[in-house]
Amino acid sequence: MKKITVLFGVLLLLGACHEDKDVRLLCHGMDTDYNVVVHFLDDGALLNIDGQEYELKQQYDARVAYYRFDPWYNLQIGNRDFATKYSLGVPGGDGAAKYTSCEELD
């Protein structure tokens, strides 16, 4: 019985450590900064940009890229093509995508 109790405690601890957390970002664009909160889902992410929420789909079954169309947004995590760990693609005023560098806040 003691082994079962210890095993149950370990499983609870592992489950608590594996909880998804929200990631707060400050993304710097050419002319605008964006306050972003990312909440990861099983197959996507909820992206809150300056109070406006968008649901993004997980790209390529990996937790490194999320996207949506209409309006178009793209969140890249750990992509070596960008200088920072987090990069956010936002729609530009001229119809072209603009990528911003993001820093993680606390």
PDB file of N, CA and C in Angstrom:
ATOM      1  N   MET A   1       0.824  -1.193   0.000  1.00  0.00           N
ATOM      2  CA  MET A   1       0.000   0.000   0.000  1.00  0.00           C
ATOM      3  C   MET A   1       0.871   1.260   0.000  1.00  0.00           C
ATOM      4  N   LYS A   2       1.997   1.184   0.717  1.00  0.00           N
ATOM      5  CA  LYS A   2       2.890   2.331   0.790  1.00  0.00           C
ATOM      6  C   LYS A   2       3.465   2.647  -0.588  1.00  0.00           C
ATOM      7  N   LYS A   3       3.788   1.603  -1.379  1.00  0.00           N
ATOM      8  CA  LYS A   3       4.331   1.803  -2.725  1.00  0.00           C
ATOM      9  C   LYS A   3       3.306   2.471  -3.637  1.00  0.00           C
ATOM     10  N   ILE A   4       2.049   2.087  -3.500  1.00  0.00           N
ATOM     11  CA  ILE A   4       0.990   2.676  -4.316  1.00  0.00           C
ATOM     12  C   ILE A   4       0.821   4.154  -3.976  1.00  0.00           C
ATOM     13  N   THR A   5       0.888   4.474  -2.691  1.00  0.00           N
ATOM     14  CA  THR A   5       0.755   5.868  -2.265  1.00  0.00           C
ATOM     15  C   THR A   5       1.907   6.713  -2.806  1.00  0.00           C
ATOM     16  N   VAL A   6       3.124   6.192  -2.746  1.00  0.00           N
ATOM     17  CA  VAL A   6       4.293   6.911  -3.261  1.00  0.00           C
ATOM     18  C   VAL A   6       4.179   7.079  -4.768  1.00  0.00           C
ATOM     19  N   LEU A   7       3.776   6.024  -5.478  1.00  0.00           N
ATOM     20  CA  LEU A   7       3.618   6.088  -6.928  1.00  0.00           C
ATOM     21  C   LEU A   7       2.558   7.111  -7.316  1.00  0.00           C
ATOM     22  N   PHE A   8       1.456   7.133  -6.594  1.00  0.00           N
ATOM     23  CA  PHE A   8       0.395   8.101  -6.868  1.00  0.00           C
ATOM     24  C   PHE A   8       0.903   9.530  -6.660  1.00  0.00           C
ATOM     25  N   GLY A   9       1.668   9.759  -5.595  1.00  0.00           N
ATOM     26  CA  GLY A   9       2.236  11.078  -5.340  1.00  0.00           C
ATOM     27  C   GLY A   9       3.184  11.525  -6.441  1.00  0.00           C
ATOM     28  N   VAL A  10       4.010  10.608  -6.938  1.00  0.00           N
ATOM     29  CA  VAL A  10       4.937  10.921  -8.024  1.00  0.00           C
ATOM     30  C   VAL A  10       4.165  11.267  -9.296  1.00  0.00           C
ATOM     31  N   LEU A  11       3.131  10.510  -9.598  1.00  0.00           N
ATOM     32  CA  LEU A  11       2.323  10.792 -10.789  1.00  0.00           C
ATOM     33  C   LEU A  11       1.641  12.155 -10.685  1.00  0.00           C
ATOM     34  N   LEU A  12       1.142  12.508  -9.518  1.00  0.00           N
ATOM     35  CA  LEU A  12       0.534  13.827  -9.336  1.00  0.00           C
ATOM     36  C   LEU A  12       1.563  14.933  -9.526  1.00  0.00           C
ATOM     37  N   LEU A  13       2.756  14.736  -9.010  1.00  0.00           N
ATOM     38  CA  LEU A  13       3.815  15.725  -9.154  1.00  0.00           C
ATOM     39  C   LEU A  13       4.206  15.895 -10.615  1.00  0.00           C
ATOM     40  N   LEU A  14       4.347  14.801 -11.333  1.00  0.00           N
ATOM     41  CA  LEU A  14       4.681  14.869 -12.759  1.00  0.00           C
ATOM     42  C   LEU A  14       3.580  15.575 -13.544  1.00  0.00           C
ATOM     43  N   GLY A  15       2.345  15.299 -13.222  1.00  0.00           N
ATOM     44  CA  GLY A  15       1.229  15.951 -13.900  1.00  0.00           C
ATOM     45  C   GLY A  15       1.207  17.447 -13.642  1.00  0.00           C
ATOM     46  N   ALA A  16       1.509  17.853 -12.436  1.00  0.00           N
ATOM     47  CA  ALA A  16       1.531  19.281 -12.110  1.00  0.00           C
ATOM     48  C   ALA A  16       2.675  19.987 -12.807  1.00  0.00           C
ATOM     49  N   CYS A  17       3.806  19.327 -12.967  1.00  0.00           N
ATOM     50  CA  CYS A  17       4.961  19.938 -13.638  1.00  0.00           C
ATOM     51  C   CYS A  17       4.747  20.035 -15.140  1.00  0.00           C
ATOM     52  N   HIS A  18       3.889  19.203 -15.699  1.00  0.00           N
ATOM     53  CA  HIS A  18       3.681  19.168 -17.143  1.00  0.00           C
ATOM     54  C   HIS A  18       2.563  20.098 -17.609  1.00  0.00           C
ATOM     55  N   GLU A  19       1.902  20.790 -16.674  1.00  0.00           N
ATOM     56  CA  GLU A  19       0.806  21.680 -17.056  1.00  0.00           C
ATOM     57  C   GLU A  19       1.281  22.718 -18.060  1.00  0.00           C
ATOM     58  N   ASP A  20       0.424  22.988 -19.034  1.00  0.00           N
ATOM     59  CA  ASP A  20       0.736  24.048 -19.990  1.00  0.00           C
ATOM     60  C   ASP A  20       0.633  25.385 -19.288  1.00  0.00           C
ATOM     61  N   LYS A  21       1.494  26.301 -19.665  1.00  0.00           N
ATOM     62  CA  LYS A  21       1.436  27.628 -19.084  1.00  0.00           C
ATOM     63  C   LYS A  21       1.293  28.639 -20.202  1.00  0.00           C
ATOM     64  N   ASP A  22       0.813  29.779 -19.833  1.00  0.00           N
ATOM     65  CA  ASP A  22       0.744  30.869 -20.788  1.00  0.00           C
ATOM     66  C   ASP A  22       2.128  31.484 -20.915  1.00  0.00           C
ATOM     67  N   VAL A  23       2.461  31.907 -22.119  1.00  0.00           N
ATOM     68  CA  VAL A  23       3.724  32.581 -22.369  1.00  0.00           C
ATOM     69  C   VAL A  23       3.395  34.018 -22.735  1.00  0.00           C
ATOM     70  N   ARG A  24       4.000  34.950 -22.008  1.00  0.00           N
ATOM     71  CA  ARG A  24       3.802  36.381 -22.280  1.00  0.00           C
ATOM     72  C   ARG A  24       4.981  36.891 -23.086  1.00  0.00           C
ATOM     73  N   LEU A  25       4.676  37.604 -24.173  1.00  0.00           N
ATOM     74  CA  LEU A  25       5.708  38.095 -25.074  1.00  0.00           C
ATOM     75  C   LEU A  25       5.528  39.587 -25.338  1.00  0.00           C
ATOM     76  N   LEU A  26       6.630  40.251 -25.596  1.00  0.00           N
ATOM     77  CA  LEU A  26       6.605  41.608 -26.127  1.00  0.00           C
ATOM     78  C   LEU A  26       7.291  41.526 -27.475  1.00  0.00           C
ATOM     79  N   CYS A  27       6.522  41.779 -28.538  1.00  0.00           N
ATOM     80  CA  CYS A  27       7.031  41.636 -29.905  1.00  0.00           C
ATOM     81  C   CYS A  27       7.268  43.028 -30.485  1.00  0.00           C
ATOM     82  N   HIS A  28       8.450  43.208 -31.065  1.00  0.00           N
ATOM     83  CA  HIS A  28       8.855  44.511 -31.585  1.00  0.00           C
ATOM     84  C   HIS A  28       8.778  44.513 -33.101  1.00  0.00           C
ATOM     85  N   GLY A  29       7.861  45.314 -33.646  1.00  0.00           N
ATOM     86  CA  GLY A  29       7.766  45.490 -35.086  1.00  0.00           C
ATOM     87  C   GLY A  29       8.527  46.725 -35.514  1.00  0.00           C
ATOM     88  N   MET A  30       8.494  47.012 -36.790  1.00  0.00           N
ATOM     89  CA  MET A  30       9.194  48.190 -37.298  1.00  0.00           C
ATOM     90  C   MET A  30       8.611  49.488 -36.717  1.00  0.00           C
ATOM     91  N   ASP A  31       7.281  49.547 -36.619  1.00  0.00           N
ATOM     92  CA  ASP A  31       6.649  50.771 -36.142  1.00  0.00           C
ATOM     93  C   ASP A  31       5.700  50.545 -34.969  1.00  0.00           C
ATOM     94  N   THR A  32       5.512  49.296 -34.549  1.00  0.00           N
ATOM     95  CA  THR A  32       4.554  48.981 -33.498  1.00  0.00           C
ATOM     96  C   THR A  32       5.090  47.864 -32.611  1.00  0.00           C
ATOM     97  N   ASP A  33       4.825  47.952 -31.315  1.00  0.00           N
ATOM     98  CA  ASP A  33       5.092  46.857 -30.390  1.00  0.00           C
ATOM     99  C   ASP A  33       3.772  46.162 -30.089  1.00  0.00           C
ATOM    100  N   TYR A  34       3.826  44.851 -29.880  1.00  0.00           N
ATOM    101  CA  TYR A  34       2.635  44.060 -29.611  1.00  0.00           C
ATOM    102  C   TYR A  34       2.794  43.360 -28.272  1.00  0.00           C
ATOM    103  N   ASN A  35       1.797  43.457 -27.404  1.00  0.00           N
ATOM    104  CA  ASN A  35       1.743  42.670 -26.179  1.00  0.00           C
ATOM    105  C   ASN A  35       0.993  41.395 -26.509  1.00  0.00           C
ATOM    106  N   VAL A  36       1.650  40.253 -26.319  1.00  0.00           N
ATOM    107  CA  VAL A  36       1.108  38.973 -26.770  1.00  0.00           C
ATOM    108  C   VAL A  36       1.101  37.980 -25.619  1.00  0.00           C
ATOM    109  N   VAL A  37       0.002  37.243 -25.494  1.00  0.00           N
ATOM    110  CA  VAL A  37      -0.071  36.117 -24.569  1.00  0.00           C
ATOM    111  C   VAL A  37      -0.433  34.890 -25.399  1.00  0.00           C
ATOM    112  N   VAL A  38       0.357  33.819 -25.261  1.00  0.00           N
ATOM    113  CA  VAL A  38       0.126  32.575 -25.994  1.00  0.00           C
ATOM    114  C   VAL A  38      -0.304  31.518 -24.996  1.00  0.00           C
ATOM    115  N   HIS A  39      -1.457  30.904 -25.239  1.00  0.00           N
ATOM    116  CA  HIS A  39      -1.934  29.773 -24.436  1.00  0.00           C
ATOM    117  C   HIS A  39      -1.931  28.551 -25.349  1.00  0.00           C
ATOM    118  N   PHE A  40      -1.092  27.575 -25.019  1.00  0.00           N
ATOM    119  CA  PHE A  40      -0.946  26.391 -25.864  1.00  0.00           C
ATOM    120  C   PHE A  40      -2.071  25.402 -25.614  1.00  0.00           C
ATOM    121  N   LEU A  41      -2.610  24.858 -26.699  1.00  0.00           N
ATOM    122  CA  LEU A  41      -3.652  23.842 -26.664  1.00  0.00           C
ATOM    123  C   LEU A  41      -3.051  22.519 -27.139  1.00  0.00           C
ATOM    124  N   ASP A  42      -3.823  21.445 -27.105  1.00  0.00           N
ATOM    125  CA  ASP A  42      -3.320  20.153 -27.575  1.00  0.00           C
ATOM    126  C   ASP A  42      -2.933  20.178 -29.048  1.00  0.00           C
ATOM    127  N   ASP A  43      -3.681  20.901 -29.856  1.00  0.00           N
ATOM    128  CA  ASP A  43      -3.426  20.898 -31.306  1.00  0.00           C
ATOM    129  C   ASP A  43      -3.355  22.307 -31.877  1.00  0.00           C
ATOM    130  N   GLY A  44      -2.979  23.277 -31.055  1.00  0.00           N
ATOM    131  CA  GLY A  44      -2.897  24.648 -31.523  1.00  0.00           C
ATOM    132  C   GLY A  44      -2.535  25.589 -30.399  1.00  0.00           C
ATOM    133  N   ALA A  45      -2.911  26.833 -30.570  1.00  0.00           N
ATOM    134  CA  ALA A  45      -2.628  27.853 -29.560  1.00  0.00           C
ATOM    135  C   ALA A  45      -3.639  28.973 -29.667  1.00  0.00           C
ATOM    136  N   LEU A  46      -3.935  29.598 -28.538  1.00  0.00           N
ATOM    137  CA  LEU A  46      -4.733  30.812 -28.522  1.00  0.00           C
ATOM    138  C   LEU A  46      -3.762  31.965 -28.415  1.00  0.00           C
ATOM    139  N   LEU A  47      -3.863  32.878 -29.340  1.00  0.00           N
ATOM    140  CA  LEU A  47      -2.962  34.013 -29.418  1.00  0.00           C
ATOM    141  C   LEU A  47      -3.751  35.270 -29.077  1.00  0.00           C
ATOM    142  N   ASN A  48      -3.361  35.957 -28.037  1.00  0.00           N
ATOM    143  CA  ASN A  48      -4.014  37.196 -27.635  1.00  0.00           C
ATOM    144  C   ASN A  48      -3.035  38.330 -27.925  1.00  0.00           C
ATOM    145  N   ILE A  49      -3.391  39.165 -28.899  1.00  0.00           N
ATOM    146  CA  ILE A  49      -2.546  40.281 -29.314  1.00  0.00           C
ATOM    147  C   ILE A  49      -3.257  41.574 -28.937  1.00  0.00           C
ATOM    148  N   ASP A  50      -2.688  42.272 -27.974  1.00  0.00           N
ATOM    149  CA  ASP A  50      -3.260  43.545 -27.512  1.00  0.00           C
ATOM    150  C   ASP A  50      -4.750  43.436 -27.218  1.00  0.00           C
ATOM    151  N   GLY A  51      -5.172  42.322 -26.590  1.00  0.00           N
ATOM    152  CA  GLY A  51      -6.565  42.133 -26.190  1.00  0.00           C
ATOM    153  C   GLY A  51      -7.444  41.444 -27.221  1.00  0.00           C
ATOM    154  N   GLN A  52      -6.975  41.242 -28.432  1.00  0.00           N
ATOM    155  CA  GLN A  52      -7.744  40.564 -29.483  1.00  0.00           C
ATOM    156  C   GLN A  52      -7.271  39.114 -29.551  1.00  0.00           C
ATOM    157  N   GLU A  53      -8.200  38.158 -29.474  1.00  0.00           N
ATOM    158  CA  GLU A  53      -7.833  36.740 -29.417  1.00  0.00           C
ATOM    159  C   GLU A  53      -8.027  36.044 -30.759  1.00  0.00           C
ATOM    160  N   TYR A  54      -7.046  35.211 -31.119  1.00  0.00           N
ATOM    161  CA  TYR A  54      -7.080  34.435 -32.360  1.00  0.00           C
ATOM    162  C   TYR A  54      -6.692  33.003 -32.044  1.00  0.00           C
ATOM    163  N   GLU A  55      -7.383  32.054 -32.672  1.00  0.00           N
ATOM    164  CA  GLU A  55      -7.026  30.651 -32.520  1.00  0.00           C
ATOM    165  C   GLU A  55      -6.136  30.241 -33.686  1.00  0.00           C
ATOM    166  N   LEU A  56      -4.997  29.652 -33.380  1.00  0.00           N
ATOM    167  CA  LEU A  56      -4.046  29.211 -34.394  1.00  0.00           C
ATOM    168  C   LEU A  56      -3.979  27.693 -34.398  1.00  0.00           C
ATOM    169  N   LYS A  57      -3.746  27.133 -35.564  1.00  0.00           N
ATOM    170  CA  LYS A  57      -3.597  25.687 -35.700  1.00  0.00           C
ATOM    171  C   LYS A  57      -2.127  25.314 -35.565  1.00  0.00           C
ATOM    172  N   GLN A  58      -1.906  24.110 -35.062  1.00  0.00           N
ATOM    173  CA  GLN A  58      -0.547  23.605 -34.969  1.00  0.00           C
ATOM    174  C   GLN A  58      -0.087  23.202 -36.358  1.00  0.00           C
ATOM    175  N   GLN A  59       1.106  23.604 -36.717  1.00  0.00           N
ATOM    176  CA  GLN A  59       1.625  23.349 -38.054  1.00  0.00           C
ATOM    177  C   GLN A  59       2.531  22.124 -38.035  1.00  0.00           C
ATOM    178  N   TYR A  60       2.340  21.222 -38.960  1.00  0.00           N
ATOM    179  CA  TYR A  60       3.193  20.045 -39.140  1.00  0.00           C
ATOM    180  C   TYR A  60       3.295  19.159 -37.914  1.00  0.00           C
ATOM    181  N   ASP A  61       2.257  19.110 -37.091  1.00  0.00           N
ATOM    182  CA  ASP A  61       2.243  18.261 -35.901  1.00  0.00           C
ATOM    183  C   ASP A  61       3.462  18.440 -35.018  1.00  0.00           C
ATOM    184  N   ALA A  62       3.968  19.641 -34.931  1.00  0.00           N
ATOM    185  CA  ALA A  62       5.095  19.947 -34.052  1.00  0.00           C
ATOM    186  C   ALA A  62       4.764  21.195 -33.256  1.00  0.00           C
ATOM    187  N   ARG A  63       5.276  21.274 -32.042  1.00  0.00           N
ATOM    188  CA  ARG A  63       4.972  22.434 -31.194  1.00  0.00           C
ATOM    189  C   ARG A  63       5.950  23.564 -31.457  1.00  0.00           C
ATOM    190  N   VAL A  64       6.219  23.851 -32.714  1.00  0.00           N
ATOM    191  CA  VAL A  64       7.163  24.919 -33.024  1.00  0.00           C
ATOM    192  C   VAL A  64       6.585  25.976 -33.940  1.00  0.00           C
ATOM    193  N   ALA A  65       5.452  25.721 -34.557  1.00  0.00           N
ATOM    194  CA  ALA A  65       4.879  26.692 -35.490  1.00  0.00           C
ATOM    195  C   ALA A  65       3.352  26.614 -35.448  1.00  0.00           C
ATOM    196  N   TYR A  66       2.735  27.786 -35.410  1.00  0.00           N
ATOM    197  CA  TYR A  66       1.281  27.892 -35.374  1.00  0.00           C
ATOM    198  C   TYR A  66       0.861  28.963 -36.367  1.00  0.00           C
ATOM    199  N   TYR A  67      -0.312  28.760 -36.995  1.00  0.00           N
ATOM    200  CA  TYR A  67      -0.743  29.707 -38.019  1.00  0.00           C
ATOM    201  C   TYR A  67      -2.255  29.806 -38.060  1.00  0.00           C
ATOM    202  N   ARG A  68      -2.738  30.816 -38.742  1.00  0.00           N
ATOM    203  CA  ARG A  68      -4.163  30.953 -39.067  1.00  0.00           C
ATOM    204  C   ARG A  68      -4.265  31.816 -40.313  1.00  0.00           C
ATOM    205  N   PHE A  69      -5.390  31.683 -40.996  1.00  0.00           N
ATOM    206  CA  PHE A  69      -5.710  32.523 -42.142  1.00  0.00           C
ATOM    207  C   PHE A  69      -6.892  33.403 -41.749  1.00  0.00           C
ATOM    208  N   ASP A  70      -6.994  34.564 -42.369  1.00  0.00           N
ATOM    209  CA  ASP A  70      -8.149  35.454 -42.257  1.00  0.00           C
ATOM    210  C   ASP A  70      -8.485  35.855 -40.831  1.00  0.00           C
ATOM    211  N   PRO A  71      -7.800  36.733 -40.176  1.00  0.00           N
ATOM    212  CA  PRO A  71      -6.552  37.347 -40.623  1.00  0.00           C
ATOM    213  C   PRO A  71      -5.371  36.401 -40.411  1.00  0.00           C
ATOM    214  N   TRP A  72      -4.359  36.596 -41.211  1.00  0.00           N
ATOM    215  CA  TRP A  72      -3.188  35.734 -41.191  1.00  0.00           C
ATOM    216  C   TRP A  72      -2.267  36.097 -40.028  1.00  0.00           C
ATOM    217  N   TYR A  73      -1.883  35.087 -39.256  1.00  0.00           N
ATOM    218  CA  TYR A  73      -0.878  35.227 -38.200  1.00  0.00           C
ATOM    219  C   TYR A  73      -0.033  33.964 -38.203  1.00  0.00           C
ATOM    220  N   ASN A  74       1.237  34.089 -37.822  1.00  0.00           N
ATOM    221  CA  ASN A  74       2.136  32.942 -37.771  1.00  0.00           C
ATOM    222  C   ASN A  74       3.069  33.125 -36.579  1.00  0.00           C
ATOM    223  N   LEU A  75       3.057  32.161 -35.662  1.00  0.00           N
ATOM    224  CA  LEU A  75       3.943  32.185 -34.504  1.00  0.00           C
ATOM    225  C   LEU A  75       4.996  31.108 -34.695  1.00  0.00           C
ATOM    226  N   GLN A  76       6.258  31.491 -34.697  1.00  0.00           N
ATOM    227  CA  GLN A  76       7.383  30.569 -34.843  1.00  0.00           C
ATOM    228  C   GLN A  76       8.125  30.504 -33.512  1.00  0.00           C
ATOM    229  N   ILE A  77       8.434  29.289 -33.059  1.00  0.00           N
ATOM    230  CA  ILE A  77       9.164  29.110 -31.812  1.00  0.00           C
ATOM    231  C   ILE A  77      10.431  28.320 -32.106  1.00  0.00           C
ATOM    232  N   GLY A  78      11.559  28.909 -31.808  1.00  0.00           N
ATOM    233  CA  GLY A  78      12.833  28.223 -31.971  1.00  0.00           C
ATOM    234  C   GLY A  78      13.260  28.026 -33.413  1.00  0.00           C
ATOM    235  N   ASN A  79      12.733  28.805 -34.334  1.00  0.00           N
ATOM    236  CA  ASN A  79      13.108  28.697 -35.740  1.00  0.00           C
ATOM    237  C   ASN A  79      14.446  29.405 -35.941  1.00  0.00           C
ATOM    238  N   ARG A  80      15.438  28.703 -36.418  1.00  0.00           N
ATOM    239  CA  ARG A  80      16.784  29.259 -36.552  1.00  0.00           C
ATOM    240  C   ARG A  80      16.883  30.327 -37.641  1.00  0.00           C
ATOM    241  N   ASP A  81      15.845  30.477 -38.453  1.00  0.00           N
ATOM    242  CA  ASP A  81      15.844  31.532 -39.470  1.00  0.00           C
ATOM    243  C   ASP A  81      15.624  32.915 -38.852  1.00  0.00           C
ATOM    244  N   PHE A  82      15.191  32.942 -37.604  1.00  0.00           N
ATOM    245  CA  PHE A  82      14.929  34.202 -36.917  1.00  0.00           C
ATOM    246  C   PHE A  82      15.924  34.375 -35.772  1.00  0.00           C
ATOM    247  N   ALA A  83      16.165  35.608 -35.383  1.00  0.00           N
ATOM    248  CA  ALA A  83      17.196  35.915 -34.386  1.00  0.00           C
ATOM    249  C   ALA A  83      16.753  35.627 -32.951  1.00  0.00           C
ATOM    250  N   THR A  84      15.456  35.502 -32.708  1.00  0.00           N
ATOM    251  CA  THR A  84      14.971  35.289 -31.351  1.00  0.00           C
ATOM    252  C   THR A  84      14.210  33.972 -31.259  1.00  0.00           C
ATOM    253  N   LYS A  85      14.008  33.497 -30.036  1.00  0.00           N
ATOM    254  CA  LYS A  85      13.293  32.229 -29.825  1.00  0.00           C
ATOM    255  C   LYS A  85      11.870  32.314 -30.355  1.00  0.00           C
ATOM    256  N   TYR A  86      11.199  33.443 -30.123  1.00  0.00           N
ATOM    257  CA  TYR A  86       9.822  33.643 -30.568  1.00  0.00           C
ATOM    258  C   TYR A  86       9.792  34.699 -31.663  1.00  0.00           C
ATOM    259  N   SER A  87       9.100  34.399 -32.760  1.00  0.00           N
ATOM    260  CA  SER A  87       8.876  35.361 -33.836  1.00  0.00           C
ATOM    261  C   SER A  87       7.409  35.303 -34.209  1.00  0.00           C
ATOM    262  N   LEU A  88       6.816  36.469 -34.390  1.00  0.00           N
ATOM    263  CA  LEU A  88       5.395  36.552 -34.713  1.00  0.00           C
ATOM    264  C   LEU A  88       5.232  37.211 -36.070  1.00  0.00           C
ATOM    265  N   GLY A  89       4.572  36.511 -36.989  1.00  0.00           N
ATOM    266  CA  GLY A  89       4.230  37.079 -38.285  1.00  0.00           C
ATOM    267  C   GLY A  89       2.870  37.723 -38.195  1.00  0.00           C
ATOM    268  N   VAL A  90       2.794  38.998 -38.559  1.00  0.00           N
ATOM    269  CA  VAL A  90       1.540  39.746 -38.503  1.00  0.00           C
ATOM    270  C   VAL A  90       1.223  40.274 -39.891  1.00  0.00           C
ATOM    271  N   PRO A  91      -0.065  40.496 -40.182  1.00  0.00           N
ATOM    272  CA  PRO A  91      -0.407  41.060 -41.484  1.00  0.00           C
ATOM    273  C   PRO A  91       0.090  42.494 -41.592  1.00  0.00           C
ATOM    274  N   GLY A  92       0.682  42.817 -42.715  1.00  0.00           N
ATOM    275  CA  GLY A  92       1.160  44.182 -42.948  1.00  0.00           C
ATOM    276  C   GLY A  92       0.103  45.016 -43.632  1.00  0.00           C
ATOM    277  N   GLY A  93       0.239  46.308 -43.555  1.00  0.00           N
ATOM    278  CA  GLY A  93      -0.718  47.211 -44.173  1.00  0.00           C
ATOM    279  C   GLY A  93      -0.719  47.125 -45.688  1.00  0.00           C
ATOM    280  N   ASP A  94       0.391  46.696 -46.271  1.00  0.00           N
ATOM    281  CA  ASP A  94       0.498  46.604 -47.730  1.00  0.00           C
ATOM    282  C   ASP A  94       0.164  45.207 -48.251  1.00  0.00           C
ATOM    283  N   GLY A  95      -0.362  44.343 -47.376  1.00  0.00           N
ATOM    284  CA  GLY A  95      -0.726  42.992 -47.786  1.00  0.00           C
ATOM    285  C   GLY A  95       0.387  41.980 -47.611  1.00  0.00           C
ATOM    286  N   ALA A  96       1.595  42.433 -47.331  1.00  0.00           N
ATOM    287  CA  ALA A  96       2.718  41.522 -47.132  1.00  0.00           C
ATOM    288  C   ALA A  96       2.865  41.223 -45.640  1.00  0.00           C
ATOM    289  N   ALA A  97       3.358  40.029 -45.335  1.00  0.00           N
ATOM    290  CA  ALA A  97       3.568  39.639 -43.941  1.00  0.00           C
ATOM    291  C   ALA A  97       4.777  40.381 -43.381  1.00  0.00           C
ATOM    292  N   LYS A  98       4.676  40.692 -42.093  1.00  0.00           N
ATOM    293  CA  LYS A  98       5.793  41.298 -41.387  1.00  0.00           C
ATOM    294  C   LYS A  98       6.099  40.438 -40.173  1.00  0.00           C
ATOM    295  N   TYR A  99       7.350  40.071 -40.012  1.00  0.00           N
ATOM    296  CA  TYR A  99       7.748  39.283 -38.846  1.00  0.00           C
ATOM    297  C   TYR A  99       8.346  40.191 -37.790  1.00  0.00           C
ATOM    298  N   THR A 100       7.975  39.936 -36.539  1.00  0.00           N
ATOM    299  CA  THR A 100       8.483  40.706 -35.425  1.00  0.00           C
ATOM    300  C   THR A 100       9.314  39.799 -34.535  1.00  0.00           C
ATOM    301  N   SER A 101      10.308  40.356 -33.873  1.00  0.00           N
ATOM    302  CA  SER A 101      11.096  39.629 -32.886  1.00  0.00           C
ATOM    303  C   SER A 101      10.424  39.803 -31.539  1.00  0.00           C
ATOM    304  N   CYS A 102      10.328  38.711 -30.788  1.00  0.00           N
ATOM    305  CA  CYS A 102       9.619  38.747 -29.508  1.00  0.00           C
ATOM    306  C   CYS A 102      10.549  38.346 -28.372  1.00  0.00           C
ATOM    307  N   GLU A 103      10.370  39.009 -27.239  1.00  0.00           N
ATOM    308  CA  GLU A 103      11.089  38.618 -26.036  1.00  0.00           C
ATOM    309  C   GLU A 103      10.082  38.110 -25.021  1.00  0.00           C
ATOM    310  N   GLU A 104      10.473  37.047 -24.308  1.00  0.00           N
ATOM    311  CA  GLU A 104       9.596  36.454 -23.316  1.00  0.00           C
ATOM    312  C   GLU A 104       9.652  37.289 -22.035  1.00  0.00           C
ATOM    313  N   LEU A 105       8.491  37.598 -21.493  1.00  0.00           N
ATOM    314  CA  LEU A 105       8.395  38.359 -20.244  1.00  0.00           C
ATOM    315  C   LEU A 105       8.121  37.385 -19.122  1.00  0.00           C
ATOM    316  N   ASP A 106       8.733  37.628 -17.967  1.00  0.00           N
ATOM    317  CA  ASP A 106       8.656  36.751 -16.799  1.00  0.00           C
ATOM    318  C   ASP A 106       7.990  35.497 -17.134  1.00  0.00           C
TER     319      ASP A 106
END
